[in-house]
Amino acid sequence: MNNFSFFNRANIQQELQTTEFDILVIGGGITGAGIALDAASRGMKVALIEKNDFASGTSSKSTKLIHGGLRYLKQFDFWLVKEVGTERAIVHKLAPHLVIPEKMILPLIEGGTYGSWLTSIGLKVYDVLASVEGDDKRKMLDKKEALEKEPLLPEDILNGAGFYAEYRTDDARLTIEVLKTASQYDAQILNYTNADEFIYENKRVVGAKVTDVFTNESYDIKAKYVVNAAGPWVDELRQINNSKIGKRLHLTKGVHLVVPHEKLPVKQSVYFDIPDGRMMFAIPRGKVTYFGTTDTNYQQDKDSVETSMVDALYLIEAVNNMFPDIHLTIDDIQSSWAGLRPLIHEEGKSASELSRKDEIFVSDTKLISIAGGKLTGYRKMAERIVDIVAKKMKRRFEVDFDPIQTEEIVLAGGPFQNYKSVKLYSNQVYKRIKSFGFTEKDANYLVHNYGKQTELILDKFDELEEENLEKRLLQAEIWFTTKHEMTCTPTDFFMRRTGRLFFDKPSVDIHKNFVIQEFAKRFNWNNETTLLHKKELEEKINLVVNFN
């Protein structure tokens, strides 16, 4: 039985209840996932729980870039540029099918944030600090070259552009693959499991009382150390632990909108000025282009973060302002997402000025909490936490663990030698599926989502008898993601395993009822349960298209 499977939940729960772990991680976003893989690969006994689905908070709502932090140069934060730049190269090497090189154009406009001299030097410093090599090195373009690369740019006020490399990812897929890889090192990992309260012995945290969201069963998980990696919910857990003192979280909301690519046909990603002095991204991806983001203070319900009409109009106006031939309206929006950044509060600073550095807090009862940080830096954040735990284990129990291993651990879906081999593999997949009427975009979608695990999906596809070929591919994906990726609901499937709700919403509208029925069959749901999951999916679909 594959360990990381919906059908293995009972066995994992058994393990969670009967083992004393070295480390229990609360939070199944990229930070928690990174900690689980780092600790398990060093030889620690690891448990991880997540109250919703994996990556359902911030880790599926980012700009979906593994980026080198060009904007931190403006803040003279060279250390952060160096760290994220180096990390970017490592994560690309570990999963080149998921972390994809993308050219980025930075238009230099009259009165804009970046002048040509500063940009040229900035990008040069960025190349050096981030150890950028070969084709990825920055080039400066004059006005004519910039317009050749991106004809949509505003000719009247354009002075030229910086042209450099970033890396695009799917943040939720990256989180899932890191968790699956941790599971291969015997980490016991479970979603839809809520931490209700901490267990104490001799005034130390030694575990948590948890409840299974589906069955409502409660049980205890014991661990020598507990790590709170709950992202926007970090302070809630610190509160339960009575240790929310000193520094606290400051949540800001970031919104992205998605339009069909023909409505904003940028040839590559653009990082551009907006009238209020901030910068924004527009990123082409398959059939769509998405753009964002906002950065506003947030104090409402963390479990239901919505895109408001104000957010949507702000972003649309910014795009129309930069690209004179583009006239987006609210009706062009196909989908959206809104997420929270768990930043560290600093008095007197605006949302955009707050540092993206991570912070670690250890309470008197030895609860270890981590907050802040960036998607790109997840491996280093994990290293810092696991180093702390390893030192504590050494002092208390005289146990030694291996040093960090994750720089060399290829993530599930690999191995690929480099991005060229990903492209070659994508061509092979296309050859295999084109006789069924699938396109190169379909092949890219499969390979960029699943890497070499595409083989398992296509083998299943060949076995199935469904006559509608799109539905048959969906059946194969559902089979794979429930058996190998702990998918529990149609919403998990459409939002976080396939990204279809964001990047191919029309396919969700067409196939949602079919997918719900497939889940009902696989999981033996009764009518009541089926309707519950149908309602949840409908709510999520409404959330991405209706702004209030």
Protein backbone atom coordinates (compact mmCIF):
# COMPACT_ATOMS: atom_id res chain seq x y z
CA MET A 1 0.00 0.00 0.00
CA ASN A 2 1.37 3.39 -0.96
CA ASN A 3 1.87 5.29 2.30
CA PHE A 4 0.81 8.74 1.02
CA SER A 5 -2.69 7.73 0.03
CA PHE A 6 -6.25 8.57 1.00
CA PHE A 7 -6.80 4.82 1.41
CA ASN A 8 -4.05 4.61 4.00
CA ARG A 9 -5.50 7.17 6.45
CA ALA A 10 -6.44 4.58 9.08
CA ASN A 11 -2.90 3.12 9.11
CA ILE A 12 -1.33 6.57 9.42
CA GLN A 13 -3.69 7.44 12.29
CA GLN A 14 -2.65 4.22 14.00
CA GLU A 15 1.03 5.20 13.65
CA LEU A 16 0.34 8.72 14.93
CA GLN A 17 -1.33 7.33 18.05
CA THR A 18 1.20 4.64 18.91
CA THR A 19 4.57 6.27 18.17
CA GLU A 20 6.49 8.82 20.19
CA PHE A 21 7.91 11.11 17.51
CA ASP A 22 11.06 13.22 17.69
CA ILE A 23 9.18 16.08 16.05
CA LEU A 24 5.51 16.86 15.42
CA VAL A 25 4.97 19.57 12.79
CA ILE A 26 1.65 21.43 12.81
CA GLY A 27 0.96 22.98 9.41
CA GLY A 28 1.04 21.41 5.95
CA GLY A 29 2.13 24.38 3.85
CA ILE A 30 5.56 24.65 2.21
CA THR A 31 7.29 25.54 5.51
CA GLY A 32 5.92 22.52 7.38
CA ALA A 33 6.55 20.28 4.36
CA GLY A 34 10.17 21.45 4.17
CA ILE A 35 10.69 20.80 7.89
CA ALA A 36 9.18 17.30 7.61
CA LEU A 37 11.48 16.35 4.71
CA ASP A 38 14.59 17.86 6.29
CA ALA A 39 14.00 16.18 9.68
CA ALA A 40 12.97 12.78 8.26
CA SER A 41 15.92 12.66 5.87
CA ARG A 42 18.31 13.32 8.79
CA GLY A 43 16.89 10.29 10.59
CA MET A 44 14.30 11.85 12.91
CA LYS A 45 10.89 10.28 13.54
CA VAL A 46 8.51 12.83 12.07
CA ALA A 47 4.76 13.45 12.19
CA LEU A 48 2.98 16.26 10.34
CA ILE A 49 -0.68 17.27 10.53
CA GLU A 50 -2.69 19.90 8.64
CA LYS A 51 -6.17 21.07 9.63
CA ASN A 52 -7.38 21.46 6.02
CA ASP A 53 -5.79 20.16 2.86
CA PHE A 54 -2.05 20.50 2.32
CA ALA A 55 -1.06 23.92 0.90
CA SER A 56 -4.62 25.18 1.35
CA GLY A 57 -3.49 28.43 3.02
CA THR A 58 -0.72 30.72 1.79
CA SER A 59 1.10 27.92 -0.04
CA SER A 60 -1.44 27.74 -2.87
CA LYS A 61 -2.06 31.47 -3.09
CA SER A 62 1.34 33.00 -3.87
CA THR A 63 2.53 34.60 -7.13
CA LYS A 64 3.80 31.09 -7.97
CA LEU A 65 7.34 32.24 -8.65
CA ILE A 66 10.55 30.87 -7.19
CA HIS A 67 12.14 34.24 -7.54
CA GLY A 68 15.48 35.72 -6.71
CA GLY A 69 14.14 38.68 -4.81
CA LEU A 70 15.06 41.56 -7.10
CA ARG A 71 12.85 43.88 -5.02
CA TYR A 72 15.00 43.21 -1.93
CA LEU A 73 17.89 44.98 -3.68
CA LYS A 74 15.87 48.18 -3.43
CA GLN A 75 15.79 47.64 0.33
CA PHE A 76 19.56 46.89 0.30
CA ASP A 77 18.82 43.45 1.72
CA PHE A 78 21.76 41.75 0.00
CA TRP A 79 21.76 38.78 2.38
CA LEU A 80 18.18 37.91 1.43
CA VAL A 81 18.93 38.26 -2.31
CA LYS A 82 21.91 35.95 -1.95
CA GLU A 83 19.98 33.34 0.02
CA VAL A 84 16.90 33.24 -2.19
CA GLY A 85 19.01 33.37 -5.35
CA THR A 86 21.08 30.39 -4.28
CA GLU A 87 17.96 28.53 -3.14
CA ARG A 88 16.24 29.18 -6.43
CA ALA A 89 19.02 27.34 -8.28
CA ILE A 90 18.85 24.40 -5.84
CA VAL A 91 15.07 23.98 -6.03
CA HIS A 92 15.23 24.15 -9.83
CA LYS A 93 17.81 21.35 -9.77
CA LEU A 94 15.68 19.19 -7.42
CA ALA A 95 12.49 19.56 -9.50
CA PRO A 96 13.09 21.10 -12.95
CA HIS A 97 9.63 19.96 -14.11
CA LEU A 98 8.02 22.07 -11.37
CA VAL A 99 10.40 25.02 -11.19
CA ILE A 100 10.50 26.28 -14.74
CA PRO A 101 12.81 28.97 -16.18
CA GLU A 102 10.76 31.97 -17.30
CA LYS A 103 12.12 35.10 -18.92
CA MET A 104 11.02 38.26 -17.14
CA ILE A 105 10.98 41.73 -18.72
CA LEU A 106 11.25 44.82 -16.51
CA PRO A 107 10.12 47.85 -18.56
CA LEU A 108 11.95 51.09 -17.78
CA ILE A 109 9.44 53.88 -18.10
CA GLU A 110 9.66 57.63 -17.59
CA GLY A 111 9.16 58.43 -13.92
CA GLY A 112 9.17 54.71 -13.05
CA THR A 113 10.65 52.95 -10.02
CA TYR A 114 13.75 51.70 -11.85
CA GLY A 115 16.04 53.87 -13.99
CA SER A 116 18.31 52.19 -16.55
CA TRP A 117 21.54 52.77 -14.61
CA LEU A 118 20.11 51.44 -11.35
CA THR A 119 18.45 48.49 -13.13
CA SER A 120 21.63 47.57 -14.99
CA ILE A 121 23.69 47.62 -11.80
CA GLY A 122 20.89 46.02 -9.78
CA LEU A 123 20.50 43.11 -12.20
CA LYS A 124 24.29 42.70 -12.38
CA VAL A 125 24.47 42.52 -8.56
CA TYR A 126 21.52 40.11 -8.69
CA ASP A 127 23.38 37.86 -11.19
CA VAL A 128 26.44 37.78 -8.93
CA LEU A 129 24.58 37.31 -5.62
CA ALA A 130 22.16 34.75 -7.04
CA SER A 131 24.96 32.88 -8.92
CA VAL A 132 23.08 33.22 -12.23
CA GLU A 133 24.73 31.39 -15.13
CA GLY A 134 24.58 31.10 -18.94
CA ASP A 135 21.39 32.11 -20.74
CA ASP A 136 19.81 33.22 -17.51
CA LYS A 137 22.16 36.23 -17.16
CA ARG A 138 20.56 39.63 -17.44
CA LYS A 139 20.53 41.68 -20.62
CA MET A 140 19.67 45.35 -20.95
CA LEU A 141 17.38 46.13 -23.91
CA ASP A 142 16.94 49.45 -25.69
CA LYS A 143 13.45 50.71 -26.53
CA LYS A 144 13.30 48.94 -29.94
CA GLU A 145 14.49 45.59 -28.52
CA ALA A 146 12.06 45.88 -25.61
CA LEU A 147 9.12 46.43 -27.98
CA GLU A 148 10.22 43.45 -30.11
CA LYS A 149 10.18 41.26 -27.02
CA GLU A 150 6.91 42.72 -25.74
CA PRO A 151 4.85 44.71 -28.30
CA LEU A 152 2.19 45.47 -25.66
CA LEU A 153 4.50 47.85 -23.74
CA PRO A 154 3.71 51.61 -23.80
CA GLU A 155 5.87 53.02 -26.61
CA ASP A 156 5.32 56.67 -25.58
CA ILE A 157 6.92 56.39 -22.15
CA LEU A 158 9.21 53.38 -22.66
CA ASN A 159 12.98 53.93 -22.34
CA GLY A 160 14.13 50.32 -22.55
CA ALA A 161 13.98 47.23 -20.32
CA GLY A 162 15.87 44.81 -18.18
CA PHE A 163 15.55 41.18 -19.35
CA TYR A 164 16.39 38.46 -16.85
CA ALA A 165 15.39 35.00 -15.62
CA GLU A 166 12.89 34.00 -12.99
CA TYR A 167 11.39 30.59 -12.25
CA ARG A 168 7.70 29.79 -12.36
CA THR A 169 6.20 27.08 -10.18
CA ASP A 170 2.94 25.72 -8.91
CA ASP A 171 3.27 26.36 -5.18
CA ALA A 172 0.67 23.75 -4.15
CA ARG A 173 2.25 21.04 -6.36
CA LEU A 174 5.68 21.88 -4.94
CA THR A 175 4.31 21.48 -1.40
CA ILE A 176 2.68 18.14 -2.27
CA GLU A 177 5.87 16.76 -3.86
CA VAL A 178 7.98 17.80 -0.85
CA LEU A 179 5.48 16.05 1.48
CA LYS A 180 5.42 12.90 -0.68
CA THR A 181 9.23 12.84 -0.62
CA ALA A 182 9.17 13.21 3.20
CA SER A 183 6.73 10.30 3.35
CA GLN A 184 9.32 8.17 1.49
CA TYR A 185 11.58 8.83 4.50
CA ASP A 186 8.87 7.44 6.82
CA ALA A 187 7.37 10.75 7.94
CA GLN A 188 3.75 10.13 9.00
CA ILE A 189 1.69 12.84 7.33
CA LEU A 190 -2.04 13.54 7.47
CA ASN A 191 -4.34 16.30 6.20
CA TYR A 192 -7.76 17.23 7.63
CA THR A 193 -6.47 16.76 11.17
CA ASN A 194 -6.91 19.69 13.54
CA ALA A 195 -4.62 20.42 16.53
CA ASP A 196 -7.04 21.30 19.37
CA GLU A 197 -4.66 21.74 22.30
CA PHE A 198 -1.17 20.90 23.47
CA ILE A 199 -0.17 18.09 25.81
CA TYR A 200 2.22 19.06 28.63
CA GLU A 201 4.53 17.12 30.95
CA ASN A 202 6.69 18.94 33.51
CA LYS A 203 5.73 22.27 31.92
CA ARG A 204 6.97 21.19 28.49
CA VAL A 205 4.94 20.66 25.32
CA VAL A 206 5.13 16.94 24.51
CA GLY A 207 2.46 16.58 21.83
CA ALA A 208 -1.02 17.62 20.79
CA LYS A 209 -4.61 16.50 21.07
CA VAL A 210 -5.99 16.33 17.54
CA THR A 211 -9.33 15.66 15.81
CA ASP A 212 -9.96 14.04 12.44
CA VAL A 213 -12.14 16.46 10.47
CA PHE A 214 -13.99 13.69 8.61
CA THR A 215 -14.78 11.27 11.45
CA ASN A 216 -14.66 13.70 14.40
CA GLU A 217 -12.48 11.18 16.27
CA SER A 218 -9.95 12.71 18.66
CA TYR A 219 -6.61 11.25 19.72
CA ASP A 220 -3.20 12.23 21.10
CA ILE A 221 0.08 12.51 19.21
CA LYS A 222 3.20 12.43 21.40
CA ALA A 223 6.49 14.04 20.39
CA LYS A 224 9.69 15.22 22.03
CA TYR A 225 9.37 18.57 20.19
CA VAL A 226 6.42 20.31 18.56
CA VAL A 227 6.91 22.80 15.73
CA ASN A 228 4.20 25.34 14.94
CA ALA A 229 4.45 26.07 11.20
CA ALA A 230 0.83 27.11 10.76
CA GLY A 231 1.48 30.19 8.60
CA PRO A 232 -1.28 32.80 9.17
CA TRP A 233 -2.52 30.69 12.12
CA VAL A 234 0.83 30.67 13.98
CA ASP A 235 -0.39 33.17 16.58
CA GLU A 236 -3.56 31.12 17.28
CA LEU A 237 -1.40 28.20 18.32
CA ARG A 238 0.89 30.49 20.34
CA GLN A 239 -2.25 31.77 22.07
CA ILE A 240 -3.38 28.21 22.92
CA ASN A 241 0.14 27.74 24.32
CA ASN A 242 -0.18 31.04 26.29
CA SER A 243 3.00 32.25 24.64
CA LYS A 244 1.81 34.96 22.27
CA ILE A 245 4.11 37.59 23.70
CA GLY A 246 6.66 39.92 22.13
CA LYS A 247 6.59 39.83 18.34
CA ARG A 248 3.35 38.98 16.59
CA LEU A 249 2.08 38.36 13.08
CA HIS A 250 0.95 41.06 10.72
CA LEU A 251 -1.21 39.59 7.95
CA THR A 252 -1.40 41.20 4.54
CA LYS A 253 -3.61 40.08 1.67
CA GLY A 254 -2.37 39.40 -1.85
CA VAL A 255 -4.82 38.96 -4.73
CA HIS A 256 -4.20 37.60 -8.25
CA LEU A 257 -6.59 37.64 -11.20
CA VAL A 258 -6.65 35.23 -14.16
CA VAL A 259 -7.79 36.10 -17.72
CA PRO A 260 -7.73 34.07 -20.96
CA HIS A 261 -4.30 34.54 -22.56
CA GLU A 262 -5.79 36.25 -25.65
CA LYS A 263 -7.16 39.01 -23.37
CA LEU A 264 -3.62 39.82 -22.12
CA PRO A 265 -1.31 38.16 -24.67
CA VAL A 266 2.05 38.94 -23.06
CA LYS A 267 4.91 36.97 -24.66
CA GLN A 268 6.74 36.48 -21.37
CA SER A 269 6.39 37.53 -17.75
CA VAL A 270 6.42 41.29 -17.12
CA TYR A 271 7.34 43.00 -13.83
CA PHE A 272 5.94 46.52 -14.15
CA ASP A 273 5.24 49.80 -12.36
CA ILE A 274 1.79 50.78 -11.22
CA PRO A 275 0.69 54.38 -10.53
CA ASP A 276 0.83 54.13 -6.72
CA GLY A 277 4.56 53.33 -6.77
CA ARG A 278 4.27 49.56 -6.26
CA MET A 279 5.28 46.90 -8.78
CA MET A 280 3.19 44.10 -10.25
CA PHE A 281 3.63 40.86 -12.23
CA ALA A 282 1.79 39.64 -15.33
CA ILE A 283 2.62 35.99 -16.05
CA PRO A 284 1.52 33.88 -19.04
CA ARG A 285 0.74 30.26 -18.19
CA GLY A 286 -0.77 27.79 -20.67
CA LYS A 287 -4.20 29.03 -21.73
CA VAL A 288 -4.24 32.02 -19.36
CA THR A 289 -2.36 35.05 -18.11
CA TYR A 290 -2.50 35.91 -14.41
CA PHE A 291 -1.48 39.13 -12.73
CA GLY A 292 -1.05 40.55 -9.24
CA THR A 293 -0.62 41.31 -6.53
CA THR A 294 -2.17 43.55 -3.92
CA ASP A 295 -0.60 44.14 -0.51
CA THR A 296 -3.18 45.33 2.03
CA ASN A 297 -3.55 44.83 5.78
CA TYR A 298 -5.93 42.01 6.70
CA GLN A 299 -7.81 41.43 9.93
CA GLN A 300 -10.87 39.41 8.87
CA ASP A 301 -11.61 35.67 8.79
CA LYS A 302 -8.42 33.76 7.96
CA ASP A 303 -10.38 30.71 6.83
CA SER A 304 -12.26 32.65 4.18
CA VAL A 305 -10.10 35.16 2.31
CA GLU A 306 -11.94 36.77 -0.58
CA THR A 307 -11.10 38.94 -3.55
CA SER A 308 -13.09 42.15 -3.19
CA MET A 309 -14.34 44.30 -6.06
CA VAL A 310 -11.87 46.98 -4.87
CA ASP A 311 -8.96 44.51 -5.22
CA ALA A 312 -10.10 43.39 -8.66
CA LEU A 313 -10.58 46.91 -10.03
CA TYR A 314 -7.20 48.04 -8.63
CA LEU A 315 -5.42 45.22 -10.50
CA ILE A 316 -7.39 45.67 -13.75
CA GLU A 317 -6.68 49.40 -13.73
CA ALA A 318 -2.96 48.76 -13.19
CA VAL A 319 -2.81 46.43 -16.22
CA ASN A 320 -4.81 48.79 -18.45
CA ASN A 321 -2.54 51.63 -17.33
CA MET A 322 0.68 49.83 -18.33
CA PHE A 323 -0.51 48.22 -21.58
CA PRO A 324 -2.25 50.86 -23.76
CA ASP A 325 -3.80 48.30 -26.16
CA ILE A 326 -5.33 46.25 -23.35
CA HIS A 327 -8.80 47.12 -22.11
CA LEU A 328 -9.66 44.54 -19.47
CA THR A 329 -12.99 44.68 -17.67
CA ILE A 330 -14.35 42.75 -14.72
CA ASP A 331 -16.16 40.43 -17.19
CA ASP A 332 -12.82 39.19 -18.56
CA ILE A 333 -11.82 37.66 -15.23
CA GLN A 334 -11.92 33.87 -15.42
CA SER A 335 -10.66 33.11 -11.94
CA SER A 336 -8.80 34.63 -8.99
CA TRP A 337 -7.11 33.77 -5.73
CA ALA A 338 -6.55 35.68 -2.52
CA GLY A 339 -4.00 34.63 0.09
CA LEU A 340 -2.40 35.91 3.28
CA ARG A 341 1.24 36.71 3.93
CA PRO A 342 2.15 35.90 7.54
CA LEU A 343 4.66 38.73 8.09
CA ILE A 344 6.18 39.89 11.35
CA HIS A 345 4.64 43.11 12.70
CA GLU A 346 6.90 46.16 12.84
CA GLU A 347 5.55 49.39 14.32
CA GLY A 348 5.01 52.21 11.86
CA LYS A 349 5.64 50.17 8.71
CA SER A 350 3.13 49.84 5.86
CA ALA A 351 2.12 46.44 4.44
CA SER A 352 4.59 46.72 1.53
CA GLU A 353 7.50 47.78 3.76
CA LEU A 354 7.35 44.82 6.13
CA SER A 355 10.30 42.44 5.95
CA ARG A 356 9.82 39.03 4.29
CA LYS A 357 12.38 37.45 6.63
CA ASP A 358 11.32 34.52 8.77
CA GLU A 359 11.45 34.53 12.59
CA ILE A 360 11.64 31.67 15.06
CA PHE A 361 10.09 31.84 18.55
CA VAL A 362 10.65 29.27 21.31
CA SER A 363 8.18 29.49 24.21
CA ASP A 364 8.93 28.75 27.90
CA THR A 365 7.17 25.41 27.40
CA LYS A 366 9.46 24.71 24.41
CA LEU A 367 6.92 25.12 21.62
CA ILE A 368 8.95 26.09 18.54
CA SER A 369 7.13 28.47 16.15
CA ILE A 370 8.24 29.80 12.77
CA ALA A 371 6.59 32.61 10.82
CA GLY A 372 7.31 34.93 7.92
CA GLY A 373 9.63 33.92 5.12
CA LYS A 374 9.22 33.24 1.40
CA LEU A 375 8.24 30.27 -0.75
CA THR A 376 11.71 30.38 -2.32
CA GLY A 377 13.42 30.11 1.07
CA TYR A 378 11.48 27.10 2.39
CA ARG A 379 14.54 24.79 2.50
CA LYS A 380 16.65 27.21 4.54
CA MET A 381 13.78 27.89 6.95
CA ALA A 382 13.44 24.14 7.44
CA GLU A 383 17.19 23.81 8.01
CA ARG A 384 17.13 26.47 10.74
CA ILE A 385 14.30 24.71 12.58
CA VAL A 386 15.75 21.21 12.27
CA ASP A 387 19.18 22.42 13.41
CA ILE A 388 17.53 23.79 16.58
CA VAL A 389 15.73 20.50 17.22
CA ALA A 390 18.89 18.46 16.52
CA LYS A 391 20.87 20.55 19.06
CA LYS A 392 18.14 20.14 21.68
CA MET A 393 17.99 16.36 21.06
CA LYS A 394 21.76 16.15 21.41
CA ARG A 395 21.71 18.03 24.74
CA ARG A 396 18.76 16.19 26.25
CA PHE A 397 19.05 12.67 24.85
CA GLU A 398 22.62 12.51 23.53
CA VAL A 399 21.33 11.48 20.10
CA ASP A 400 23.15 12.51 16.95
CA PHE A 401 21.42 13.15 13.63
CA ASP A 402 22.90 13.59 10.16
CA PRO A 403 23.57 17.09 8.83
CA ILE A 404 21.18 18.55 6.26
CA GLN A 405 20.58 16.31 3.22
CA THR A 406 17.88 18.14 1.27
CA GLU A 407 20.19 19.90 -1.19
CA GLU A 408 20.61 16.53 -2.93
CA ILE A 409 17.16 14.95 -2.47
CA VAL A 410 15.34 14.89 -5.80
CA LEU A 411 11.63 15.56 -5.27
CA ALA A 412 8.91 13.07 -6.26
CA GLY A 413 8.25 13.41 -9.99
CA GLY A 414 11.96 13.34 -10.91
CA PRO A 415 14.73 12.70 -11.57
CA PHE A 416 15.44 14.91 -14.57
CA GLN A 417 18.96 15.92 -15.51
CA ASN A 418 17.94 19.47 -16.34
CA TYR A 419 15.17 21.51 -17.92
CA LYS A 420 16.13 20.30 -21.43
CA SER A 421 15.35 16.74 -20.40
CA VAL A 422 11.96 17.92 -19.07
CA LYS A 423 11.21 19.33 -22.54
CA LEU A 424 12.32 16.09 -24.22
CA TYR A 425 10.11 14.09 -21.88
CA SER A 426 7.20 16.44 -22.61
CA ASN A 427 7.68 15.74 -26.35
CA GLN A 428 7.58 11.99 -25.67
CA VAL A 429 4.36 12.39 -23.71
CA TYR A 430 2.87 14.45 -26.54
CA LYS A 431 3.72 11.69 -29.07
CA ARG A 432 1.98 9.21 -26.81
CA ILE A 433 -1.26 11.21 -26.41
CA LYS A 434 -1.67 13.12 -29.68
CA SER A 435 -3.52 10.27 -31.45
CA PHE A 436 -6.26 10.75 -28.82
CA GLY A 437 -6.66 14.39 -29.88
CA PHE A 438 -4.66 15.88 -26.97
CA THR A 439 -2.39 18.87 -27.63
CA GLU A 440 1.16 19.90 -26.71
CA LYS A 441 -0.39 22.11 -24.00
CA ASP A 442 -1.99 18.98 -22.50
CA ALA A 443 1.39 17.22 -22.50
CA ASN A 444 3.04 20.23 -20.84
CA TYR A 445 0.26 20.39 -18.24
CA LEU A 446 0.82 16.73 -17.29
CA VAL A 447 4.61 16.94 -17.18
CA HIS A 448 4.77 20.27 -15.34
CA ASN A 449 2.28 18.94 -12.79
CA TYR A 450 3.42 15.36 -12.29
CA GLY A 451 6.86 14.98 -13.87
CA LYS A 452 7.65 11.34 -14.62
CA GLN A 453 4.63 10.26 -12.59
CA THR A 454 2.78 11.08 -15.83
CA GLU A 455 3.66 7.49 -16.85
CA LEU A 456 1.45 6.09 -14.08
CA ILE A 457 -1.41 8.36 -15.12
CA LEU A 458 -1.14 7.43 -18.81
CA ASP A 459 -0.86 3.70 -18.05
CA LYS A 460 -4.08 4.03 -16.05
CA PHE A 461 -5.63 6.05 -18.90
CA ASP A 462 -4.87 3.12 -21.28
CA GLU A 463 -6.65 0.67 -18.94
CA LEU A 464 -9.84 2.69 -18.51
CA GLU A 465 -12.94 2.30 -20.67
CA GLU A 466 -14.57 5.74 -20.48
CA GLU A 467 -15.27 6.81 -24.09
CA ASN A 468 -14.99 10.56 -23.56
CA LEU A 469 -11.19 11.01 -23.63
CA GLU A 470 -11.09 14.18 -21.51
CA LYS A 471 -13.13 12.44 -18.85
CA ARG A 472 -10.91 9.37 -19.10
CA LEU A 473 -7.82 11.50 -18.43
CA LEU A 474 -9.61 13.07 -15.43
CA GLN A 475 -10.41 9.56 -14.13
CA ALA A 476 -6.73 8.64 -14.40
CA GLU A 477 -5.71 11.83 -12.57
CA ILE A 478 -8.29 11.20 -9.82
CA TRP A 479 -7.01 7.64 -9.45
CA PHE A 480 -3.41 8.90 -9.18
CA THR A 481 -4.02 11.81 -6.83
CA THR A 482 -6.19 9.84 -4.39
CA LYS A 483 -3.86 6.82 -4.38
CA HIS A 484 -0.56 8.72 -4.31
CA GLU A 485 -1.31 12.27 -3.11
CA MET A 486 -3.87 11.97 -0.31
CA THR A 487 -6.56 13.86 -2.21
CA CYS A 488 -9.73 13.72 -0.12
CA THR A 489 -12.25 15.94 -1.93
CA PRO A 490 -13.09 17.26 -5.42
CA THR A 491 -11.98 20.71 -4.19
CA ASP A 492 -8.52 19.33 -3.29
CA PHE A 493 -8.37 17.86 -6.79
CA PHE A 494 -9.43 20.94 -8.76
CA MET A 495 -7.60 23.55 -6.66
CA ARG A 496 -4.41 22.02 -5.30
CA ARG A 497 -3.56 18.81 -7.21
CA THR A 498 -4.31 19.97 -10.75
CA GLY A 499 -4.58 23.78 -10.46
CA ARG A 500 -7.50 23.61 -12.91
CA LEU A 501 -9.72 25.95 -10.89
CA PHE A 502 -7.12 28.69 -11.38
CA PHE A 503 -5.59 27.89 -14.77
CA ASP A 504 -8.31 26.06 -16.68
CA LYS A 505 -11.59 27.08 -15.09
CA PRO A 506 -13.71 26.23 -18.18
CA SER A 507 -12.69 22.55 -17.74
CA VAL A 508 -13.94 22.68 -14.12
CA ASP A 509 -17.31 24.07 -15.23
CA ILE A 510 -17.66 21.30 -17.82
CA HIS A 511 -16.48 18.35 -15.72
CA LYS A 512 -17.28 19.21 -12.08
CA ASN A 513 -20.32 16.89 -11.84
CA PHE A 514 -18.45 14.03 -13.48
CA VAL A 515 -15.55 14.47 -11.01
CA ILE A 516 -17.88 14.60 -8.00
CA GLN A 517 -19.50 11.32 -9.15
CA GLU A 518 -16.06 9.73 -9.61
CA PHE A 519 -15.12 10.66 -6.03
CA ALA A 520 -18.46 9.36 -4.73
CA LYS A 521 -17.78 6.00 -6.45
CA ARG A 522 -14.16 5.73 -5.29
CA PHE A 523 -14.95 6.64 -1.69
CA ASN A 524 -18.40 5.01 -1.43
CA TRP A 525 -20.04 8.28 -0.43
CA ASN A 526 -23.74 8.37 0.38
CA ASN A 527 -25.96 11.12 -1.09
CA GLU A 528 -25.53 13.36 1.93
CA THR A 529 -21.70 13.27 1.78
CA THR A 530 -21.72 13.73 -2.00
CA LEU A 531 -23.94 16.81 -1.69
CA LEU A 532 -21.70 18.23 1.03
CA HIS A 533 -18.63 18.01 -1.23
CA LYS A 534 -20.59 19.34 -4.20
CA LYS A 535 -21.64 22.36 -2.12
CA GLU A 536 -18.05 22.97 -0.98
CA LEU A 537 -16.81 22.91 -4.59
CA GLU A 538 -19.60 25.25 -5.76
CA GLU A 539 -18.66 27.69 -2.98
CA LYS A 540 -15.02 27.67 -4.09
CA ILE A 541 -16.01 28.19 -7.73
CA ASN A 542 -18.17 31.16 -6.72
CA LEU A 543 -15.36 32.56 -4.59
CA VAL A 544 -12.93 32.76 -7.53
CA VAL A 545 -15.34 34.58 -9.86
CA ASN A 546 -17.68 36.66 -7.71
CA PHE A 547 -16.29 39.83 -6.12
CA ASN A 548 -18.19 41.82 -3.55
